[in-house]
Protein backbone atom coordinates (compact mmCIF):
# COMPACT_ATOMS: atom_id res chain seq x y z
CA MET A 1 -42.73 -30.41 -110.57
CA ASP A 2 -41.32 -33.69 -112.08
CA THR A 3 -41.14 -36.80 -109.69
CA LYS A 4 -37.43 -37.01 -110.41
CA GLN A 5 -36.69 -33.53 -109.50
CA GLN A 6 -38.79 -33.89 -106.18
CA LEU A 7 -36.72 -37.02 -105.46
CA LEU A 8 -33.69 -35.13 -105.92
CA GLN A 9 -34.69 -32.28 -103.66
CA VAL A 10 -35.98 -34.56 -100.96
CA SER A 11 -32.79 -36.71 -101.15
CA ALA A 12 -30.49 -33.53 -101.05
CA LYS A 13 -32.51 -32.01 -98.04
CA LEU A 14 -32.32 -35.40 -96.19
CA PHE A 15 -28.63 -35.64 -96.91
CA GLN A 16 -27.95 -32.21 -95.61
CA PHE A 17 -30.02 -32.86 -92.59
CA LEU A 18 -27.87 -35.90 -91.74
CA GLU A 19 -24.76 -33.81 -91.60
CA SER A 20 -24.52 -33.69 -87.80
CA VAL A 21 -26.14 -36.01 -85.21
CA PRO A 22 -27.46 -34.21 -81.91
CA SER A 23 -27.19 -36.00 -78.62
CA GLY A 24 -29.39 -35.99 -75.65
CA GLU A 25 -32.90 -34.50 -75.59
CA ASN A 26 -32.85 -33.39 -79.15
CA ARG A 27 -32.19 -36.90 -80.77
CA ASP A 28 -35.92 -37.99 -80.66
CA GLU A 29 -36.99 -34.91 -82.69
CA PHE A 30 -33.93 -35.53 -85.11
CA ILE A 31 -35.11 -39.26 -85.54
CA ARG A 32 -38.70 -38.22 -86.04
CA GLU A 33 -37.65 -35.76 -88.69
CA ILE A 34 -35.40 -38.47 -90.33
CA ASP A 35 -38.43 -40.81 -90.43
CA CYS A 36 -40.68 -38.09 -92.08
CA GLN A 37 -38.18 -37.46 -94.75
CA LEU A 38 -37.42 -41.12 -95.39
CA GLU A 39 -41.31 -41.85 -95.72
CA GLU A 40 -41.56 -38.86 -98.21
CA ARG A 41 -38.47 -40.11 -100.15
CA GLY A 42 -39.78 -43.77 -100.16
CA ARG A 43 -43.16 -42.54 -101.51
CA LEU A 44 -41.45 -40.80 -104.34
CA ILE A 45 -39.28 -43.82 -105.24
CA ALA A 46 -42.39 -45.98 -105.27
CA LEU A 47 -44.13 -43.59 -107.86
CA LEU A 48 -40.93 -43.70 -109.88
CA LYS A 49 -40.98 -47.59 -109.82
CA GLU A 50 -44.59 -47.56 -110.69
CA SER A 51 -43.94 -45.58 -113.81
CA GLY A 52 -41.42 -48.15 -114.81
CA ILE A 53 -38.23 -45.84 -114.78
CA GLN A 54 -34.77 -47.50 -115.13
CA ILE A 55 -31.58 -46.12 -113.52
CA ASP A 56 -29.21 -44.91 -116.06
CA PRO A 57 -25.66 -44.18 -114.84
CA GLN A 58 -24.98 -41.91 -117.86
CA ASN A 59 -27.90 -39.63 -117.07
CA LYS A 60 -26.58 -36.66 -114.83
CA MET A 61 -29.56 -36.68 -112.63
CA HIS A 62 -29.52 -40.45 -112.05
CA SER A 63 -25.83 -40.43 -111.18
CA ILE A 64 -26.31 -37.57 -108.71
CA LEU A 65 -29.31 -39.44 -106.99
CA LEU A 66 -27.16 -42.55 -106.81
CA GLN A 67 -24.36 -40.43 -105.13
CA LEU A 68 -26.92 -38.90 -102.52
CA ASP A 69 -28.32 -42.36 -101.93
CA ASN A 70 -25.07 -43.83 -101.06
CA GLY A 71 -24.34 -40.72 -98.81
CA ILE A 72 -27.56 -41.02 -97.13
CA ARG A 73 -27.00 -44.51 -96.43
CA ALA A 74 -23.56 -43.91 -95.02
CA ARG A 75 -24.90 -41.14 -92.76
CA LEU A 76 -27.85 -43.19 -91.67
CA ASN A 77 -25.31 -45.98 -90.71
CA ILE A 78 -23.56 -43.24 -88.46
CA VAL A 79 -26.81 -42.31 -86.79
CA MET A 80 -27.55 -45.92 -86.17
CA GLU A 81 -24.23 -46.67 -84.65
CA SER A 82 -24.60 -43.47 -82.40
CA VAL A 83 -28.07 -44.70 -81.07
CA LYS A 84 -26.70 -48.41 -80.58
CA GLN A 85 -23.83 -47.11 -78.48
CA ASP A 86 -26.14 -44.92 -76.25
CA MET A 87 -28.42 -47.81 -75.85
CA LYS A 88 -25.39 -50.19 -74.60
CA ASN A 89 -24.15 -47.41 -72.49
CA LEU A 90 -27.62 -47.14 -70.89
CA GLN A 91 -27.83 -51.11 -70.46
CA ASN A 92 -24.35 -50.80 -68.62
CA ALA A 93 -25.55 -48.20 -66.52
CA LYS A 94 -28.63 -50.16 -65.41
CA LYS A 95 -26.37 -53.01 -64.63
CA ASN A 96 -23.71 -51.27 -62.58
CA GLU A 97 -26.73 -49.42 -60.74
CA LYS A 98 -28.05 -52.73 -59.73
CA GLN A 99 -24.73 -54.31 -58.83
CA TYR A 100 -24.08 -51.04 -56.66
CA ILE A 101 -27.31 -51.44 -54.72
CA ASN A 102 -26.96 -55.29 -54.20
CA PRO A 103 -23.06 -56.11 -54.81
CA TYR A 104 -23.53 -59.65 -53.40
CA SER A 105 -26.57 -60.79 -55.70
CA SER A 106 -24.43 -62.58 -58.12
CA VAL A 107 -22.46 -64.57 -55.44
CA ARG A 108 -23.65 -68.10 -55.06
CA VAL A 109 -21.02 -69.61 -52.80
CA MET A 110 -22.26 -71.94 -49.94
CA ASP A 111 -18.87 -71.57 -48.36
CA GLY A 112 -18.58 -72.28 -44.64
CA MET A 113 -21.89 -74.00 -44.31
CA TYR A 114 -22.52 -77.55 -43.22
CA TYR A 115 -25.25 -79.77 -42.22
CA ASP A 116 -25.14 -81.64 -38.81
CA LYS A 117 -27.01 -84.78 -39.25
CA LYS A 118 -26.62 -86.02 -35.53
CA LYS A 119 -29.38 -85.51 -33.15
């Protein structure tokens, strides 16, 4: 099979895979699968670059690859934002838990204290 055909198939498979973003326990496996597919896609792109191929927007296959690439980038950004939001929520939860356990840890007021220097 031609390298361009393989790239088209891998890109289409990745684009379809990124259609929905799971949450919770399934996300780790989802990210591993994305990583594997991106590595395969990167390997194929490197092979095409080595062969000296140029992108021709007039070629139907090249235009489909460009559209898939734009779609993959957009969907990967959505996945990245989802992961960032979950990490931010986790950090906030940790901060709130520490504050709940010791609510006065951030208070640094020396109000009501004085030192008597007389003997």
